[in-house]
Amino acid sequence: MSNVPEISIIVPVYKVEEYLSQCIDSILVQTFTNFELLLVDDGSPDRCGEMCEEYAQKDERIRVFHQENAGVSTARNKGLAEAYGKYIVFVDSDDYILPAYLEDLYNELSEHKGSGVVIESVIKLYPNGVMQPSVFPNLDFSSEDRFRVLTDLVDKNIGYPHSKIYSRDIIKKYSLSFLSSISLLEDFFFLLDYIQYADFILIRNISNYIYRVEYSDTALSVCNKSLKEECEIFQNYYYRVILYQQEYNLKADDLQLVWKELKIFFHRILLSLYVSLPKESYKLRKTFLKSLVLTYSDWIKYCFRPDYLSDRIARFLLLNRCYLFFDLWMRGLLKIQFVYMFGSKRK
C-alpha cells in the first residue's frame, strides 16, 4: 500500500444503523488526518453494510470488509489482519469520538521511545442524555512496573479496547489477537497480553471518547453465558494473573483487587452450573465441582473470600468436599430466590 498511514482505526460494525453515521462522521473530522478507517461489517442484518460502502465511496481512507456474523472479537481480528498503520486504534460503532481523539493519543505516544500503549479515560453517555466523565490518574509505567496495570488499576475499568493506541509491531511480532470463543473480558485479556511486551504504559485523564452506556454495570454479577464460556472466562483471567504473579514475584496481598474481580467470575461459574444443568443431574454437577475444586483448590482456600454468609457457607462446603450438602445448599438458595448470594444483591 502506498502512503502507509500512521494510524489504522478499526471499527467492528453490527446492528448499529441508528448510531453508525455519527460514529463514522466523528472519525472523518479528526484533527489528525493521517489514518485509514477499517469498517468490518460482522454480517449485520440491517443497512450497516450498505452504509459502510457508501462512506467508502466518499473517502479513500475508508476500507470495508464484510464477513458472516462471528462476533466482535473476530471482527476486530479481521481488522488487525488487514491494517497497514504503524499504530492501532479501536472505536465501537455505537460510540463516537471528539475531534482531538487521535491527535491526543498520537502525541502522547510519539513523545516516548520504544513501543507502548496510551490509555485515556472516557465520557459515559447514558440513555437519558446525561454525560459523565471517568476520572483516571495520570500515570507513567515502565516495563519494570507494567504489572501495576493489574494490581493497581483493575478496578478502574480500563479493559475496554477503545481510548487506547497500540503499536502494530508488538501485535504482529507476538501474534496477539482477541479471543473469539468468549464475549466478556476478551478486550481486557488482549490488553494484559499486550502490555507484557510494552516498553511503557501511559495513563491519561483525557476524555475524547463518548461511550454509550446501554445497560447497568451491575449486570456483571448476573450470569448470562453458558457454563463452558463462564469457565473459559475465569480460566483465562486466572491464567494471566498467575503469569503476572510469577513474572513479577507478586505476593497474594498485592493482588487483592484482582481476587475481588475473580471472585465475581467464580460466582458466575457456580450460578451457571445450577442454571445449565437440570435438577436430576447431581452426578454431573458433583463431577464438575470435584474438578473445579481440584483445579483451583489453593485459590479457593487462600484467596476466595466471599462477602456474604451464604457464600462463605458454600465455600466451606466446597473446601471440605461436601458436594451433596453444597448442592442442596445452592439449590435451596436458588429455589427461595435468596437475595444476598453470588457476590451481589440479586433482584
Protein backbone atom coordinates (compact mmCIF):
# COMPACT_ATOMS: atom_id res chain seq x y z
CA MET A 1 0.00 0.00 0.00
CA SER A 2 1.41 3.41 -0.96
CA ASN A 3 1.34 6.26 1.55
CA VAL A 4 1.17 3.97 4.56
CA PRO A 5 -0.98 5.64 7.25
CA GLU A 6 0.29 6.33 10.74
CA ILE A 7 -2.88 5.02 12.37
CA SER A 8 -5.33 2.27 11.48
CA ILE A 9 -8.75 2.77 13.07
CA ILE A 10 -10.68 -0.50 13.39
CA VAL A 11 -14.46 -0.33 13.77
CA PRO A 12 -16.45 -3.59 14.09
CA VAL A 13 -19.98 -2.99 12.84
CA TYR A 14 -23.13 -4.88 13.80
CA LYS A 15 -26.76 -3.73 14.12
CA VAL A 16 -25.96 -0.08 14.85
CA GLU A 17 -27.79 1.59 11.98
CA GLU A 18 -29.07 4.27 14.37
CA TYR A 19 -25.59 5.30 15.52
CA LEU A 20 -23.23 4.37 12.68
CA SER A 21 -23.27 7.70 10.82
CA GLN A 22 -22.47 9.63 13.98
CA CYS A 23 -19.58 7.26 14.67
CA ILE A 24 -18.04 7.46 11.19
CA ASP A 25 -18.62 11.21 10.83
CA SER A 26 -16.80 11.83 14.13
CA ILE A 27 -13.81 9.88 12.80
CA LEU A 28 -13.66 11.71 9.48
CA VAL A 29 -13.42 15.14 11.15
CA GLN A 30 -10.42 14.28 13.30
CA THR A 31 -7.72 16.95 13.57
CA PHE A 32 -5.17 14.19 12.96
CA THR A 33 -5.79 13.10 9.37
CA ASN A 34 -3.09 10.55 8.55
CA PHE A 35 -5.18 7.47 9.19
CA GLU A 36 -7.07 4.68 7.49
CA LEU A 37 -10.51 3.59 8.64
CA LEU A 38 -11.32 -0.11 8.53
CA LEU A 39 -15.03 -0.85 8.79
CA VAL A 40 -15.65 -4.54 9.47
CA ASP A 41 -19.28 -5.49 8.81
CA ASP A 42 -19.92 -8.52 11.02
CA GLY A 43 -22.86 -9.81 8.96
CA SER A 44 -25.15 -7.04 10.19
CA PRO A 45 -28.76 -7.75 9.10
CA ASP A 46 -29.69 -4.07 8.76
CA ARG A 47 -28.32 -1.40 6.39
CA CYS A 48 -24.97 -1.13 8.16
CA GLY A 49 -23.04 -2.94 5.44
CA GLU A 50 -24.56 -0.76 2.74
CA MET A 51 -23.86 2.39 4.77
CA CYS A 52 -20.21 1.39 5.13
CA GLU A 53 -19.88 1.03 1.36
CA GLU A 54 -21.49 4.43 0.83
CA TYR A 55 -18.95 6.07 3.11
CA ALA A 56 -16.08 4.26 1.37
CA GLN A 57 -17.18 5.81 -1.93
CA LYS A 58 -16.83 9.27 -0.39
CA ASP A 59 -13.46 8.94 1.39
CA GLU A 60 -10.48 6.98 0.09
CA ARG A 61 -9.17 6.46 3.62
CA ILE A 62 -12.02 4.01 4.27
CA ARG A 63 -11.81 0.30 3.54
CA VAL A 64 -14.77 -2.02 4.11
CA PHE A 65 -14.75 -5.73 4.89
CA HIS A 66 -17.80 -7.99 5.08
CA GLN A 67 -17.95 -11.29 6.94
CA GLU A 68 -20.57 -13.69 8.23
CA ASN A 69 -21.63 -12.92 11.76
CA ALA A 70 -18.89 -14.26 14.03
CA GLY A 71 -18.76 -11.79 16.90
CA VAL A 72 -16.91 -8.62 17.75
CA SER A 73 -13.60 -10.36 18.53
CA THR A 74 -13.46 -11.98 15.11
CA ALA A 75 -14.31 -8.62 13.52
CA ARG A 76 -11.50 -6.89 15.41
CA ASN A 77 -9.09 -9.65 14.46
CA LYS A 78 -10.07 -9.18 10.82
CA GLY A 79 -9.24 -5.51 11.18
CA LEU A 80 -5.86 -6.32 12.73
CA ALA A 81 -5.04 -8.68 9.87
CA GLU A 82 -5.88 -6.04 7.25
CA ALA A 83 -4.35 -2.99 8.95
CA TYR A 84 -1.38 -1.15 7.46
CA GLY A 85 -0.91 1.59 10.03
CA LYS A 86 2.02 1.93 12.40
CA TYR A 87 -0.44 2.25 15.26
CA ILE A 88 -3.82 0.66 16.02
CA VAL A 89 -6.89 2.36 17.47
CA PHE A 90 -10.30 0.81 18.10
CA VAL A 91 -13.67 2.55 18.07
CA ASP A 92 -17.00 0.83 18.74
CA SER A 93 -19.63 1.55 16.12
CA ASP A 94 -22.30 2.72 18.57
CA ASP A 95 -19.93 5.27 20.15
CA TYR A 96 -18.33 8.42 18.78
CA ILE A 97 -15.19 10.48 19.35
CA LEU A 98 -14.31 14.14 19.78
CA PRO A 99 -12.09 15.84 17.12
CA ALA A 100 -8.86 15.65 19.15
CA TYR A 101 -9.15 11.93 19.93
CA LEU A 102 -6.46 10.69 17.54
CA GLU A 103 -4.20 13.70 17.93
CA ASP A 104 -4.04 13.45 21.71
CA LEU A 105 -3.35 9.70 21.64
CA TYR A 106 -0.71 10.05 18.93
CA ASN A 107 1.09 12.96 20.58
CA GLU A 108 1.36 11.16 23.91
CA LEU A 109 2.74 8.04 22.25
CA SER A 110 5.23 9.80 19.97
CA GLU A 111 6.88 11.58 22.91
CA HIS A 112 8.29 8.28 24.22
CA LYS A 113 10.93 5.96 22.83
CA GLY A 114 10.10 2.33 22.16
CA SER A 115 6.69 0.72 21.77
CA GLY A 116 3.97 1.07 24.33
CA VAL A 117 0.34 1.95 24.86
CA VAL A 118 -1.60 5.07 25.85
CA ILE A 119 -4.80 4.61 27.85
CA GLU A 120 -7.22 7.51 28.15
CA SER A 121 -10.43 7.97 30.09
CA VAL A 122 -13.91 8.11 28.56
CA ILE A 123 -17.11 10.09 28.81
CA LYS A 124 -20.09 7.87 29.57
CA LEU A 125 -23.30 8.78 27.74
CA TYR A 126 -26.40 7.38 29.44
CA PRO A 127 -29.76 6.74 27.74
CA ASN A 128 -31.25 9.79 29.47
CA GLY A 129 -28.64 12.02 27.80
CA VAL A 130 -26.51 12.55 30.91
CA MET A 131 -22.75 12.57 30.26
CA GLN A 132 -20.35 11.51 33.00
CA PRO A 133 -16.56 11.71 32.52
CA SER A 134 -14.48 8.93 34.01
CA VAL A 135 -11.58 10.13 36.13
CA PHE A 136 -8.20 8.46 35.66
CA PRO A 137 -4.92 9.22 37.45
CA ASN A 138 -2.08 10.46 35.23
CA LEU A 139 0.49 7.69 35.50
CA ASP A 140 3.59 6.53 33.60
CA PHE A 141 4.61 2.88 33.96
CA SER A 142 7.86 1.46 32.63
CA SER A 143 8.45 -2.13 31.55
CA GLU A 144 9.62 -2.92 35.10
CA ASP A 145 6.34 -1.94 36.75
CA ARG A 146 3.84 -2.76 34.00
CA PHE A 147 2.24 -5.22 36.43
CA ARG A 148 0.68 -2.24 38.19
CA VAL A 149 -1.97 -2.08 35.47
CA LEU A 150 -3.22 -5.32 37.01
CA THR A 151 -2.52 -4.69 40.71
CA ASP A 152 -3.47 -1.00 40.94
CA LEU A 153 -5.93 -0.29 38.14
CA VAL A 154 -8.04 -3.40 37.65
CA ASP A 155 -10.95 -1.68 39.39
CA LYS A 156 -10.74 1.42 37.15
CA ASN A 157 -12.47 -0.26 34.21
CA ILE A 158 -9.60 0.21 31.76
CA GLY A 159 -10.02 -3.08 29.94
CA TYR A 160 -12.13 -1.80 27.05
CA PRO A 161 -10.42 -1.78 23.62
CA HIS A 162 -11.18 1.85 22.78
CA SER A 163 -9.48 5.00 24.16
CA LYS A 164 -6.10 3.39 23.56
CA ILE A 165 -3.41 3.46 20.92
CA TYR A 166 -1.35 0.32 20.32
CA SER A 167 1.83 -0.38 18.38
CA ARG A 168 1.08 -2.72 15.47
CA ASP A 169 4.66 -4.03 15.62
CA ILE A 170 4.01 -5.61 19.04
CA ILE A 171 0.72 -7.08 17.90
CA LYS A 172 2.31 -8.61 14.80
CA LYS A 173 5.54 -9.79 16.44
CA TYR A 174 3.74 -11.69 19.20
CA SER A 175 0.66 -12.70 17.17
CA LEU A 176 -1.74 -11.04 19.58
CA SER A 177 -5.47 -11.31 18.96
CA PHE A 178 -8.85 -11.19 20.67
CA LEU A 179 -10.28 -14.46 21.98
CA SER A 180 -13.25 -15.29 19.77
CA SER A 181 -14.62 -18.06 21.99
CA ILE A 182 -15.74 -15.66 24.74
CA SER A 183 -17.78 -12.48 24.70
CA LEU A 184 -16.79 -10.97 28.04
CA LEU A 185 -13.38 -9.63 29.14
CA GLU A 186 -11.82 -10.55 25.80
CA ASP A 187 -10.71 -6.92 25.41
CA PHE A 188 -9.13 -6.87 28.89
CA PHE A 189 -7.25 -10.09 28.14
CA PHE A 190 -5.93 -8.53 24.93
CA LEU A 191 -4.64 -5.57 26.95
CA LEU A 192 -2.96 -7.84 29.54
CA ASP A 193 -1.32 -9.84 26.75
CA TYR A 194 -0.13 -6.68 25.01
CA ILE A 195 1.41 -4.87 27.97
CA GLN A 196 3.66 -7.84 28.71
CA TYR A 197 5.73 -6.61 25.76
CA ALA A 198 5.24 -2.84 26.14
CA ASP A 199 8.17 -0.56 26.93
CA PHE A 200 5.83 1.86 28.66
CA ILE A 201 2.18 2.32 29.65
CA LEU A 202 0.79 5.84 29.86
CA ILE A 203 -2.47 6.51 31.73
CA ARG A 204 -4.01 9.89 30.95
CA ASN A 205 -7.06 11.66 32.32
CA ILE A 206 -8.05 12.88 28.86
CA SER A 207 -11.61 12.21 27.71
CA ASN A 208 -12.23 12.34 23.96
CA TYR A 209 -14.26 9.15 23.66
CA ILE A 210 -18.04 9.10 24.11
CA TYR A 211 -19.01 5.68 25.38
CA ARG A 212 -22.70 4.89 25.05
CA VAL A 213 -23.95 3.08 28.15
CA GLU A 214 -26.96 0.95 27.29
CA TYR A 215 -27.14 -1.17 30.43
CA SER A 216 -26.11 -1.10 34.06
CA ASP A 217 -22.64 -2.30 35.02
CA THR A 218 -24.25 -4.26 37.84
CA ALA A 219 -25.21 -6.83 35.18
CA LEU A 220 -21.65 -8.13 35.54
CA SER A 221 -22.66 -10.26 38.50
CA VAL A 222 -25.56 -11.85 36.65
CA CYS A 223 -24.74 -14.99 34.72
CA ASN A 224 -25.91 -14.93 31.12
CA LYS A 225 -23.26 -17.11 29.46
CA SER A 226 -23.04 -20.86 29.04
CA LEU A 227 -21.22 -22.88 31.67
CA LYS A 228 -18.46 -23.58 29.16
CA GLU A 229 -17.94 -19.89 28.43
CA GLU A 230 -18.08 -18.90 32.10
CA CYS A 231 -15.35 -21.45 32.84
CA GLU A 232 -13.25 -20.21 29.94
CA ILE A 233 -13.56 -16.60 31.10
CA PHE A 234 -12.43 -17.48 34.62
CA GLN A 235 -9.67 -19.77 33.37
CA ASN A 236 -8.24 -17.11 31.05
CA TYR A 237 -8.36 -14.47 33.76
CA TYR A 238 -6.80 -16.77 36.37
CA TYR A 239 -4.08 -17.92 33.98
CA ARG A 240 -3.00 -14.35 33.22
CA VAL A 241 -2.99 -13.36 36.88
CA ILE A 242 -0.76 -16.30 37.77
CA LEU A 243 1.51 -15.45 34.84
CA TYR A 244 1.95 -11.89 36.13
CA GLN A 245 2.35 -13.12 39.68
CA GLN A 246 5.20 -15.43 38.71
CA GLU A 247 6.84 -12.99 36.29
CA TYR A 248 6.98 -10.13 38.81
CA ASN A 249 7.18 -12.12 42.06
CA LEU A 250 3.92 -10.67 43.31
CA LYS A 251 2.57 -11.66 46.70
CA ALA A 252 -1.04 -12.68 47.17
CA ASP A 253 -1.66 -9.45 49.12
CA ASP A 254 -0.52 -7.44 46.08
CA LEU A 255 -3.44 -8.88 44.13
CA GLN A 256 -6.33 -8.08 46.46
CA LEU A 257 -8.17 -6.05 43.81
CA VAL A 258 -7.74 -8.89 41.33
CA TRP A 259 -9.02 -11.51 43.75
CA LYS A 260 -12.17 -9.44 44.20
CA GLU A 261 -12.66 -9.41 40.45
CA LEU A 262 -12.01 -13.14 40.13
CA LYS A 263 -14.46 -13.79 42.94
CA ILE A 264 -17.24 -12.37 40.77
CA PHE A 265 -16.41 -14.69 37.90
CA PHE A 266 -16.11 -17.70 40.19
CA HIS A 267 -19.61 -16.90 41.44
CA ARG A 268 -20.76 -16.76 37.84
CA ILE A 269 -19.47 -20.29 37.26
CA LEU A 270 -21.43 -21.58 40.24
CA LEU A 271 -24.59 -19.81 39.12
CA SER A 272 -24.21 -21.09 35.57
CA LEU A 273 -23.74 -24.63 36.85
CA TYR A 274 -27.12 -24.59 38.55
CA VAL A 275 -28.85 -22.79 35.73
CA SER A 276 -27.41 -25.00 32.98
CA LEU A 277 -27.80 -28.49 34.45
CA PRO A 278 -31.22 -29.93 35.37
CA LYS A 279 -32.12 -30.93 38.89
CA GLU A 280 -31.69 -34.63 38.19
CA SER A 281 -28.06 -34.15 37.13
CA TYR A 282 -26.45 -34.22 40.57
CA LYS A 283 -23.82 -36.70 39.39
CA LEU A 284 -22.81 -34.33 36.61
CA ARG A 285 -22.70 -31.39 38.99
CA LYS A 286 -20.67 -33.38 41.53
CA THR A 287 -18.15 -34.39 38.86
CA PHE A 288 -17.84 -30.79 37.73
CA LEU A 289 -17.47 -29.47 41.29
CA LYS A 290 -14.77 -32.02 42.12
CA SER A 291 -12.80 -30.98 39.05
CA LEU A 292 -13.30 -27.28 39.86
CA VAL A 293 -12.07 -27.66 43.44
CA LEU A 294 -9.12 -29.80 42.38
CA THR A 295 -8.02 -27.27 39.77
CA TYR A 296 -8.40 -24.14 41.91
CA SER A 297 -8.12 -25.51 45.46
CA ASP A 298 -5.27 -23.19 46.53
CA TRP A 299 -7.03 -20.11 45.19
CA ILE A 300 -10.34 -21.10 46.84
CA LYS A 301 -8.54 -21.74 50.14
CA TYR A 302 -6.28 -18.68 50.30
CA CYS A 303 -7.79 -16.02 48.02
CA PHE A 304 -11.53 -16.67 47.65
CA ARG A 305 -13.12 -14.54 50.36
CA PRO A 306 -16.90 -14.17 49.85
CA ASP A 307 -18.67 -11.17 51.34
CA TYR A 308 -21.94 -12.80 52.34
CA LEU A 309 -22.57 -15.52 54.90
CA SER A 310 -24.44 -17.67 52.38
CA ASP A 311 -21.38 -17.69 50.12
CA ARG A 312 -18.98 -18.33 53.00
CA ILE A 313 -21.01 -21.41 53.89
CA ALA A 314 -20.84 -22.52 50.26
CA ARG A 315 -17.05 -22.03 50.31
CA PHE A 316 -16.74 -24.12 53.48
CA LEU A 317 -18.72 -26.95 51.92
CA LEU A 318 -16.65 -26.84 48.75
CA LEU A 319 -13.29 -26.87 50.53
CA ASN A 320 -14.37 -29.80 52.68
CA ARG A 321 -15.62 -31.74 49.64
CA CYS A 322 -19.17 -31.85 50.99
CA TYR A 323 -20.59 -31.86 47.50
CA LEU A 324 -24.03 -33.23 48.35
CA PHE A 325 -24.58 -30.62 51.06
CA PHE A 326 -23.18 -27.91 48.78
CA ASP A 327 -25.59 -28.99 46.06
CA LEU A 328 -28.55 -28.95 48.44
CA TRP A 329 -27.47 -25.58 49.83
CA MET A 330 -27.15 -23.94 46.42
CA ARG A 331 -30.38 -25.40 45.05
CA GLY A 332 -32.18 -24.30 48.19
CA LEU A 333 -30.92 -20.72 47.89
CA LEU A 334 -31.95 -20.55 44.26
CA LYS A 335 -35.35 -22.08 44.97
CA ILE A 336 -36.22 -19.47 47.57
CA GLN A 337 -34.59 -16.77 45.41
CA PHE A 338 -32.29 -15.76 48.22
CA VAL A 339 -31.30 -12.11 47.90
CA TYR A 340 -27.67 -12.00 49.05
CA MET A 341 -25.66 -14.56 47.13
CA PHE A 342 -23.12 -14.88 44.34
CA GLY A 343 -21.32 -11.73 45.45
CA SER A 344 -24.14 -9.26 44.83
CA LYS A 345 -27.68 -8.42 45.77
CA ARG A 346 -29.98 -10.35 43.46
CA LYS A 347 -33.31 -8.94 42.35
